[in-house]
Protein backbone atom coordinates (compact mmCIF):
# COMPACT_ATOMS: atom_id res chain seq x y z
CA UNK A 1 0.00 0.00 0.00
CA UNK A 2 1.07 3.53 -0.75
CA UNK A 3 -0.20 6.51 1.14
CA UNK A 4 -0.15 9.44 -1.20
CA UNK A 5 -2.57 12.31 -1.43
CA UNK A 6 -1.01 13.90 -4.47
CA UNK A 7 -0.18 11.02 -6.81
CA UNK A 8 -2.30 8.08 -7.89
CA UNK A 9 -1.39 4.72 -6.39
CA UNK A 10 -1.11 3.36 -9.95
CA UNK A 11 1.59 5.92 -10.73
CA UNK A 12 3.54 5.04 -7.59
CA UNK A 13 3.14 1.31 -8.25
CA UNK A 14 4.41 1.79 -11.81
CA UNK A 15 7.47 3.73 -10.74
CA UNK A 16 8.35 1.99 -7.46
CA UNK A 17 11.12 -0.13 -8.99
CA UNK A 18 12.67 2.96 -10.53
CA UNK A 19 12.46 4.86 -7.24
CA UNK A 20 14.09 1.99 -5.34
CA UNK A 21 16.84 1.50 -7.92
CA UNK A 22 17.65 5.22 -7.92
CA UNK A 23 17.94 5.26 -4.14
CA UNK A 24 20.15 2.17 -4.18
CA UNK A 25 22.32 3.68 -6.93
CA UNK A 26 22.92 6.67 -4.68
CA UNK A 27 23.24 4.62 -1.46
CA UNK A 28 24.23 1.02 -2.28
CA UNK A 29 23.50 -0.40 1.18
CA UNK A 30 20.12 0.48 2.63
CA UNK A 31 17.66 -1.37 4.84
CA UNK A 32 14.03 -1.45 3.78
CA UNK A 33 13.12 0.92 6.58
CA UNK A 34 15.76 3.37 5.36
CA UNK A 35 14.28 3.25 1.86
CA UNK A 36 10.77 4.01 3.14
CA UNK A 37 12.03 6.89 5.25
CA UNK A 38 14.15 8.34 2.46
CA UNK A 39 11.20 8.28 0.03
CA UNK A 40 9.06 9.97 2.66
CA UNK A 41 11.75 12.60 3.25
CA UNK A 42 12.44 13.27 -0.44
CA UNK A 43 8.74 13.71 -1.20
CA UNK A 44 7.97 15.85 1.85
CA UNK A 45 5.67 13.13 3.22
CA UNK A 46 3.66 12.96 -0.02
CA UNK A 47 4.66 9.33 -0.67
CA UNK A 48 4.77 6.88 2.21
CA UNK A 49 5.67 3.33 1.26
CA UNK A 50 4.51 0.46 3.41
CA UNK A 51 6.49 -2.71 3.94
CA UNK A 52 3.77 -4.52 2.01
CA UNK A 53 4.61 -2.47 -1.07
CA UNK A 54 8.37 -2.25 -0.70
CA UNK A 55 9.46 -5.79 0.16
CA UNK A 56 7.71 -7.55 -2.76
CA UNK A 57 9.42 -5.04 -5.05
CA UNK A 58 12.81 -5.74 -3.47
CA UNK A 59 12.25 -9.51 -3.73
CA UNK A 60 11.24 -9.18 -7.40
CA UNK A 61 14.36 -7.13 -8.19
CA UNK A 62 16.49 -9.71 -6.42
CA UNK A 63 14.81 -12.60 -8.26
CA UNK A 64 15.61 -10.90 -11.58
CA UNK A 65 19.25 -10.49 -10.55
CA UNK A 66 19.03 -6.71 -10.59
CA UNK A 67 20.10 -6.39 -6.96
CA UNK A 68 21.58 -8.60 -4.31
CA UNK A 69 20.92 -8.76 -0.61
CA UNK A 70 23.18 -9.34 2.31
CA UNK A 71 22.26 -10.73 5.72
CA UNK A 72 23.92 -8.91 8.61
CA UNK A 73 23.70 -9.63 12.33
CA UNK A 74 23.12 -6.45 14.32
CA UNK A 75 23.05 -7.24 18.00
CA UNK A 76 20.52 -10.04 18.34
CA UNK A 77 18.74 -9.13 15.10
CA UNK A 78 19.24 -10.38 11.60
CA UNK A 79 18.91 -7.63 9.04
PDB file of N, CA and C in Angstrom:
ATOM      1  N   UNK A   1       0.840  -1.178   0.000  1.00  0.00           N
ATOM      2  CA  UNK A   1       0.000   0.000   0.000  1.00  0.00           C
ATOM      3  C   UNK A   1       0.880   1.234   0.000  1.00  0.00           C
ATOM      4  N   UNK A   2       0.393   2.247  -0.664  1.00  0.00           N
ATOM      5  CA  UNK A   2       1.074   3.525  -0.746  1.00  0.00           C
ATOM      6  C   UNK A   2       0.123   4.566  -0.193  1.00  0.00           C
ATOM      7  N   UNK A   3       0.614   5.415   0.636  1.00  0.00           N
ATOM      8  CA  UNK A   3      -0.196   6.512   1.141  1.00  0.00           C
ATOM      9  C   UNK A   3       0.293   7.751   0.423  1.00  0.00           C
ATOM     10  N   UNK A   4      -0.563   8.300  -0.396  1.00  0.00           N
ATOM     11  CA  UNK A   4      -0.152   9.436  -1.199  1.00  0.00           C
ATOM     12  C   UNK A   4      -1.365  10.247  -1.582  1.00  0.00           C
ATOM     13  N   UNK A   5      -1.424  11.470  -1.121  1.00  0.00           N
ATOM     14  CA  UNK A   5      -2.572  12.307  -1.430  1.00  0.00           C
ATOM     15  C   UNK A   5      -2.428  13.019  -2.767  1.00  0.00           C
ATOM     16  N   UNK A   6      -1.232  13.106  -3.286  1.00  0.00           N
ATOM     17  CA  UNK A   6      -1.007  13.904  -4.472  1.00  0.00           C
ATOM     18  C   UNK A   6      -0.882  13.085  -5.749  1.00  0.00           C
ATOM     19  N   UNK A   7      -0.418  11.849  -5.637  1.00  0.00           N
ATOM     20  CA  UNK A   7      -0.179  11.021  -6.806  1.00  0.00           C
ATOM     21  C   UNK A   7      -1.069   9.785  -6.731  1.00  0.00           C
ATOM     22  N   UNK A   8      -1.470   9.279  -7.883  1.00  0.00           N
ATOM     23  CA  UNK A   8      -2.301   8.082  -7.886  1.00  0.00           C
ATOM     24  C   UNK A   8      -1.465   6.880  -7.461  1.00  0.00           C
ATOM     25  N   UNK A   9      -2.110   5.921  -6.820  1.00  0.00           N
ATOM     26  CA  UNK A   9      -1.389   4.723  -6.392  1.00  0.00           C
ATOM     27  C   UNK A   9      -0.877   3.947  -7.596  1.00  0.00           C
ATOM     28  N   UNK A  10      -1.568   4.034  -8.744  1.00  0.00           N
ATOM     29  CA  UNK A  10      -1.106   3.360  -9.951  1.00  0.00           C
ATOM     30  C   UNK A  10       0.213   3.950 -10.441  1.00  0.00           C
ATOM     31  N   UNK A  11       0.349   5.266 -10.331  1.00  0.00           N
ATOM     32  CA  UNK A  11       1.585   5.919 -10.726  1.00  0.00           C
ATOM     33  C   UNK A  11       2.728   5.471  -9.827  1.00  0.00           C
ATOM     34  N   UNK A  12       2.496   5.454  -8.535  1.00  0.00           N
ATOM     35  CA  UNK A  12       3.537   5.035  -7.593  1.00  0.00           C
ATOM     36  C   UNK A  12       3.898   3.575  -7.842  1.00  0.00           C
ATOM     37  N   UNK A  13       2.891   2.735  -8.010  1.00  0.00           N
ATOM     38  CA  UNK A  13       3.145   1.313  -8.252  1.00  0.00           C
ATOM     39  C   UNK A  13       3.974   1.127  -9.515  1.00  0.00           C
ATOM     40  N   UNK A  14       3.691   1.898 -10.543  1.00  0.00           N
ATOM     41  CA  UNK A  14       4.409   1.785 -11.807  1.00  0.00           C
ATOM     42  C   UNK A  14       5.831   2.307 -11.769  1.00  0.00           C
ATOM     43  N   UNK A  15       6.134   3.150 -10.813  1.00  0.00           N
ATOM     44  CA  UNK A  15       7.472   3.735 -10.738  1.00  0.00           C
ATOM     45  C   UNK A  15       8.262   3.277  -9.508  1.00  0.00           C
ATOM     46  N   UNK A  16       7.692   2.398  -8.713  1.00  0.00           N
ATOM     47  CA  UNK A  16       8.348   1.991  -7.464  1.00  0.00           C
ATOM     48  C   UNK A  16       9.710   1.356  -7.712  1.00  0.00           C
ATOM     49  N   UNK A  17       9.819   0.492  -8.705  1.00  0.00           N
ATOM     50  CA  UNK A  17      11.120  -0.134  -8.991  1.00  0.00           C
ATOM     51  C   UNK A  17      12.157   0.926  -9.354  1.00  0.00           C
ATOM     52  N   UNK A  18      11.749   1.888 -10.141  1.00  0.00           N
ATOM     53  CA  UNK A  18      12.665   2.963 -10.534  1.00  0.00           C
ATOM     54  C   UNK A  18      13.092   3.782  -9.324  1.00  0.00           C
ATOM     55  N   UNK A  19      12.149   4.095  -8.460  1.00  0.00           N
ATOM     56  CA  UNK A  19      12.459   4.860  -7.243  1.00  0.00           C
ATOM     57  C   UNK A  19      13.463   4.099  -6.380  1.00  0.00           C
ATOM     58  N   UNK A  20      13.211   2.813  -6.177  1.00  0.00           N
ATOM     59  CA  UNK A  20      14.090   1.987  -5.341  1.00  0.00           C
ATOM     60  C   UNK A  20      15.471   1.882  -5.969  1.00  0.00           C
ATOM     61  N   UNK A  21      15.535   1.632  -7.262  1.00  0.00           N
ATOM     62  CA  UNK A  21      16.836   1.502  -7.921  1.00  0.00           C
ATOM     63  C   UNK A  21      17.629   2.800  -7.877  1.00  0.00           C
ATOM     64  N   UNK A  22      16.958   3.935  -8.009  1.00  0.00           N
ATOM     65  CA  UNK A  22      17.651   5.223  -7.921  1.00  0.00           C
ATOM     66  C   UNK A  22      18.227   5.429  -6.522  1.00  0.00           C
ATOM     67  N   UNK A  23      17.435   5.120  -5.505  1.00  0.00           N
ATOM     68  CA  UNK A  23      17.939   5.261  -4.140  1.00  0.00           C
ATOM     69  C   UNK A  23      19.141   4.355  -3.903  1.00  0.00           C
ATOM     70  N   UNK A  24      19.053   3.115  -4.383  1.00  0.00           N
ATOM     71  CA  UNK A  24      20.150   2.173  -4.179  1.00  0.00           C
ATOM     72  C   UNK A  24      21.371   2.526  -5.025  1.00  0.00           C
ATOM     73  N   UNK A  25      21.172   3.208  -6.142  1.00  0.00           N
ATOM     74  CA  UNK A  25      22.315   3.676  -6.929  1.00  0.00           C
ATOM     75  C   UNK A  25      23.064   4.768  -6.172  1.00  0.00           C
ATOM     76  N   UNK A  26      22.312   5.590  -5.453  1.00  0.00           N
ATOM     77  CA  UNK A  26      22.923   6.672  -4.677  1.00  0.00           C
ATOM     78  C   UNK A  26      23.481   6.198  -3.342  1.00  0.00           C
ATOM     79  N   UNK A  27      22.852   5.167  -2.767  1.00  0.00           N
ATOM     80  CA  UNK A  27      23.238   4.620  -1.460  1.00  0.00           C
ATOM     81  C   UNK A  27      23.173   3.101  -1.568  1.00  0.00           C
ATOM     82  N   UNK A  28      24.274   2.456  -1.969  1.00  0.00           N
ATOM     83  CA  UNK A  28      24.235   1.022  -2.281  1.00  0.00           C
ATOM     84  C   UNK A  28      23.751   0.098  -1.166  1.00  0.00           C
ATOM     85  N   UNK A  29      23.944   0.460   0.075  1.00  0.00           N
ATOM     86  CA  UNK A  29      23.496  -0.397   1.177  1.00  0.00           C
ATOM     87  C   UNK A  29      22.448   0.338   1.996  1.00  0.00           C
ATOM     88  N   UNK A  30      21.209  -0.121   1.868  1.00  0.00           N
ATOM     89  CA  UNK A  30      20.115   0.479   2.629  1.00  0.00           C
ATOM     90  C   UNK A  30      19.199  -0.633   3.121  1.00  0.00           C
ATOM     91  N   UNK A  31      18.702  -0.489   4.332  1.00  0.00           N
ATOM     92  CA  UNK A  31      17.663  -1.366   4.837  1.00  0.00           C
ATOM     93  C   UNK A  31      16.329  -0.903   4.272  1.00  0.00           C
ATOM     94  N   UNK A  32      15.359  -1.797   4.265  1.00  0.00           N
ATOM     95  CA  UNK A  32      14.031  -1.453   3.780  1.00  0.00           C
ATOM     96  C   UNK A  32      13.461  -0.244   4.488  1.00  0.00           C
ATOM     97  N   UNK A  33      13.627  -0.213   5.802  1.00  0.00           N
ATOM     98  CA  UNK A  33      13.122   0.924   6.580  1.00  0.00           C
ATOM     99  C   UNK A  33      13.769   2.226   6.114  1.00  0.00           C
ATOM    100  N   UNK A  34      15.062   2.177   5.835  1.00  0.00           N
ATOM    101  CA  UNK A  34      15.758   3.375   5.355  1.00  0.00           C
ATOM    102  C   UNK A  34      15.187   3.842   4.018  1.00  0.00           C
ATOM    103  N   UNK A  35      14.856   2.898   3.160  1.00  0.00           N
ATOM    104  CA  UNK A  35      14.278   3.254   1.859  1.00  0.00           C
ATOM    105  C   UNK A  35      12.939   3.952   2.060  1.00  0.00           C
ATOM    106  N   UNK A  36      12.076   3.387   2.915  1.00  0.00           N
ATOM    107  CA  UNK A  36      10.767   4.008   3.136  1.00  0.00           C
ATOM    108  C   UNK A  36      10.915   5.406   3.716  1.00  0.00           C
ATOM    109  N   UNK A  37      11.841   5.588   4.639  1.00  0.00           N
ATOM    110  CA  UNK A  37      12.034   6.890   5.254  1.00  0.00           C
ATOM    111  C   UNK A  37      12.624   7.891   4.281  1.00  0.00           C
ATOM    112  N   UNK A  38      13.528   7.440   3.440  1.00  0.00           N
ATOM    113  CA  UNK A  38      14.148   8.342   2.458  1.00  0.00           C
ATOM    114  C   UNK A  38      13.125   8.809   1.429  1.00  0.00           C
ATOM    115  N   UNK A  39      12.256   7.895   0.968  1.00  0.00           N
ATOM    116  CA  UNK A  39      11.197   8.280   0.026  1.00  0.00           C
ATOM    117  C   UNK A  39      10.278   9.300   0.678  1.00  0.00           C
ATOM    118  N   UNK A  40       9.920   9.046   1.914  1.00  0.00           N
ATOM    119  CA  UNK A  40       9.058   9.970   2.657  1.00  0.00           C
ATOM    120  C   UNK A  40       9.725  11.347   2.766  1.00  0.00           C
ATOM    121  N   UNK A  41      11.007  11.347   3.092  1.00  0.00           N
ATOM    122  CA  UNK A  41      11.754  12.600   3.248  1.00  0.00           C
ATOM    123  C   UNK A  41      11.878  13.347   1.916  1.00  0.00           C
ATOM    124  N   UNK A  42      12.237  12.637   0.866  1.00  0.00           N
ATOM    125  CA  UNK A  42      12.440  13.273  -0.438  1.00  0.00           C
ATOM    126  C   UNK A  42      11.152  13.829  -1.037  1.00  0.00           C
ATOM    127  N   UNK A  43      10.022  13.258  -0.654  1.00  0.00           N
ATOM    128  CA  UNK A  43       8.739  13.714  -1.203  1.00  0.00           C
ATOM    129  C   UNK A  43       7.968  14.586  -0.220  1.00  0.00           C
ATOM    130  N   UNK A  44       8.629  15.023   0.836  1.00  0.00           N
ATOM    131  CA  UNK A  44       7.972  15.855   1.851  1.00  0.00           C
ATOM    132  C   UNK A  44       6.686  15.202   2.363  1.00  0.00           C
ATOM    133  N   UNK A  45       6.781  13.932   2.676  1.00  0.00           N
ATOM    134  CA  UNK A  45       5.674  13.133   3.220  1.00  0.00           C
ATOM    135  C   UNK A  45       4.542  12.869   2.233  1.00  0.00           C
ATOM    136  N   UNK A  46       4.722  13.183   0.960  1.00  0.00           N
ATOM    137  CA  UNK A  46       3.657  12.959  -0.019  1.00  0.00           C
ATOM    138  C   UNK A  46       3.545  11.484  -0.400  1.00  0.00           C
ATOM    139  N   UNK A  47       4.663  10.767  -0.365  1.00  0.00           N
ATOM    140  CA  UNK A  47       4.657   9.330  -0.669  1.00  0.00           C
ATOM    141  C   UNK A  47       5.194   8.592   0.550  1.00  0.00           C
ATOM    142  N   UNK A  48       4.368   7.707   1.074  1.00  0.00           N
ATOM    143  CA  UNK A  48       4.767   6.881   2.212  1.00  0.00           C
ATOM    144  C   UNK A  48       4.596   5.423   1.811  1.00  0.00           C
ATOM    145  N   UNK A  49       5.708   4.735   1.652  1.00  0.00           N
ATOM    146  CA  UNK A  49       5.674   3.332   1.261  1.00  0.00           C
ATOM    147  C   UNK A  49       5.481   2.459   2.485  1.00  0.00           C
ATOM    148  N   UNK A  50       4.664   1.441   2.335  1.00  0.00           N
ATOM    149  CA  UNK A  50       4.513   0.464   3.415  1.00  0.00           C
ATOM    150  C   UNK A  50       5.435  -0.715   3.120  1.00  0.00           C
ATOM    151  N   UNK A  51       5.674  -1.513   4.131  1.00  0.00           N
ATOM    152  CA  UNK A  51       6.489  -2.710   3.942  1.00  0.00           C
ATOM    153  C   UNK A  51       5.836  -3.641   2.930  1.00  0.00           C
ATOM    154  N   UNK A  52       4.503  -3.668   2.928  1.00  0.00           N
ATOM    155  CA  UNK A  52       3.767  -4.524   2.008  1.00  0.00           C
ATOM    156  C   UNK A  52       3.939  -4.143   0.551  1.00  0.00           C
ATOM    157  N   UNK A  53       4.330  -2.914   0.296  1.00  0.00           N
ATOM    158  CA  UNK A  53       4.605  -2.467  -1.069  1.00  0.00           C
ATOM    159  C   UNK A  53       6.090  -2.613  -1.397  1.00  0.00           C
ATOM    160  N   UNK A  54       6.942  -2.283  -0.444  1.00  0.00           N
ATOM    161  CA  UNK A  54       8.369  -2.253  -0.701  1.00  0.00           C
ATOM    162  C   UNK A  54       8.988  -3.641  -0.827  1.00  0.00           C
ATOM    163  N   UNK A  55       8.741  -4.515   0.140  1.00  0.00           N
ATOM    164  CA  UNK A  55       9.458  -5.789   0.162  1.00  0.00           C
ATOM    165  C   UNK A  55       9.154  -6.688  -1.029  1.00  0.00           C
ATOM    166  N   UNK A  56       7.919  -6.765  -1.527  1.00  0.00           N
ATOM    167  CA  UNK A  56       7.710  -7.549  -2.756  1.00  0.00           C
ATOM    168  C   UNK A  56       8.501  -6.982  -3.938  1.00  0.00           C
ATOM    169  N   UNK A  57       8.632  -5.667  -3.987  1.00  0.00           N
ATOM    170  CA  UNK A  57       9.421  -5.041  -5.045  1.00  0.00           C
ATOM    171  C   UNK A  57      10.885  -5.411  -4.906  1.00  0.00           C
ATOM    172  N   UNK A  58      11.412  -5.356  -3.694  1.00  0.00           N
ATOM    173  CA  UNK A  58      12.811  -5.742  -3.473  1.00  0.00           C
ATOM    174  C   UNK A  58      13.041  -7.208  -3.816  1.00  0.00           C
ATOM    175  N   UNK A  59      12.116  -8.076  -3.425  1.00  0.00           N
ATOM    176  CA  UNK A  59      12.249  -9.509  -3.729  1.00  0.00           C
ATOM    177  C   UNK A  59      12.197  -9.751  -5.238  1.00  0.00           C
ATOM    178  N   UNK A  60      11.341  -9.025  -5.948  1.00  0.00           N
ATOM    179  CA  UNK A  60      11.242  -9.177  -7.402  1.00  0.00           C
ATOM    180  C   UNK A  60      12.536  -8.725  -8.081  1.00  0.00           C
ATOM    181  N   UNK A  61      13.099  -7.620  -7.632  1.00  0.00           N
ATOM    182  CA  UNK A  61      14.359  -7.135  -8.193  1.00  0.00           C
ATOM    183  C   UNK A  61      15.493  -8.120  -7.921  1.00  0.00           C
ATOM    184  N   UNK A  62      15.483  -8.713  -6.754  1.00  0.00           N
ATOM    185  CA  UNK A  62      16.493  -9.710  -6.419  1.00  0.00           C
ATOM    186  C   UNK A  62      16.316 -10.965  -7.279  1.00  0.00           C
ATOM    187  N   UNK A  63      15.085 -11.407  -7.456  1.00  0.00           N
ATOM    188  CA  UNK A  63      14.806 -12.602  -8.259  1.00  0.00           C
ATOM    189  C   UNK A  63      15.257 -12.415  -9.711  1.00  0.00           C
ATOM    190  N   UNK A  64      15.183 -11.189 -10.207  1.00  0.00           N
ATOM    191  CA  UNK A  64      15.608 -10.898 -11.584  1.00  0.00           C
ATOM    192  C   UNK A  64      17.116 -10.676 -11.682  1.00  0.00           C
ATOM    193  N   UNK A  65      17.810 -10.690 -10.551  1.00  0.00           N
ATOM    194  CA  UNK A  65      19.248 -10.493 -10.554  1.00  0.00           C
ATOM    195  C   UNK A  65      19.669  -9.046 -10.671  1.00  0.00           C
ATOM    196  N   UNK A  66      18.734  -8.135 -10.464  1.00  0.00           N
ATOM    197  CA  UNK A  66      19.030  -6.709 -10.589  1.00  0.00           C
ATOM    198  C   UNK A  66      19.724  -6.181  -9.344  1.00  0.00           C
ATOM    199  N   UNK A  67      19.411  -6.768  -8.191  1.00  0.00           N
ATOM    200  CA  UNK A  67      20.095  -6.392  -6.961  1.00  0.00           C
ATOM    201  C   UNK A  67      20.352  -7.637  -6.139  1.00  0.00           C
ATOM    202  N   UNK A  68      21.268  -7.500  -5.221  1.00  0.00           N
ATOM    203  CA  UNK A  68      21.582  -8.599  -4.314  1.00  0.00           C
ATOM    204  C   UNK A  68      21.365  -8.132  -2.886  1.00  0.00           C
ATOM    205  N   UNK A  69      21.115  -9.085  -2.020  1.00  0.00           N
ATOM    206  CA  UNK A  69      20.919  -8.760  -0.614  1.00  0.00           C
ATOM    207  C   UNK A  69      22.027  -9.381   0.206  1.00  0.00           C
ATOM    208  N   UNK A  70      22.170  -8.867   1.387  1.00  0.00           N
ATOM    209  CA  UNK A  70      23.184  -9.342   2.310  1.00  0.00           C
ATOM    210  C   UNK A  70      22.545  -9.442   3.685  1.00  0.00           C
ATOM    211  N   UNK A  71      22.785 -10.558   4.376  1.00  0.00           N
ATOM    212  CA  UNK A  71      22.264 -10.730   5.725  1.00  0.00           C
ATOM    213  C   UNK A  71      23.349 -10.310   6.705  1.00  0.00           C
ATOM    214  N   UNK A  72      22.968  -9.435   7.636  1.00  0.00           N
ATOM    215  CA  UNK A  72      23.916  -8.912   8.614  1.00  0.00           C
ATOM    216  C   UNK A  72      23.319  -9.093  10.004  1.00  0.00           C
ATOM    217  N   UNK A  73      24.130  -9.538  10.939  1.00  0.00           N
ATOM    218  CA  UNK A  73      23.701  -9.625  12.333  1.00  0.00           C
ATOM    219  C   UNK A  73      24.014  -8.309  13.026  1.00  0.00           C
ATOM    220  N   UNK A  74      22.980  -7.693  13.572  1.00  0.00           N
ATOM    221  CA  UNK A  74      23.116  -6.453  14.318  1.00  0.00           C
ATOM    222  C   UNK A  74      22.576  -6.721  15.706  1.00  0.00           C
ATOM    223  N   UNK A  75      23.477  -6.852  16.669  1.00  0.00           N
ATOM    224  CA  UNK A  75      23.048  -7.243  18.005  1.00  0.00           C
ATOM    225  C   UNK A  75      22.430  -8.635  17.933  1.00  0.00           C
ATOM    226  N   UNK A  76      21.216  -8.758  18.397  1.00  0.00           N
ATOM    227  CA  UNK A  76      20.520 -10.035  18.339  1.00  0.00           C
ATOM    228  C   UNK A  76      19.552 -10.109  17.162  1.00  0.00           C
ATOM    229  N   UNK A  77      19.654  -9.182  16.238  1.00  0.00           N
ATOM    230  CA  UNK A  77      18.736  -9.132  15.100  1.00  0.00           C
ATOM    231  C   UNK A  77      19.447  -9.466  13.811  1.00  0.00           C
ATOM    232  N   UNK A  78      18.737 -10.129  12.941  1.00  0.00           N
ATOM    233  CA  UNK A  78      19.240 -10.380  11.604  1.00  0.00           C
ATOM    234  C   UNK A  78      18.593  -9.363  10.682  1.00  0.00           C
ATOM    235  N   UNK A  79      19.429  -8.657   9.939  1.00  0.00           N
ATOM    236  CA  UNK A  79      18.911  -7.630   9.041  1.00  0.00           C
ATOM    237  C   UNK A  79      19.412  -7.892   7.644  1.00  0.00           C
TER     238      UNK A  79
END
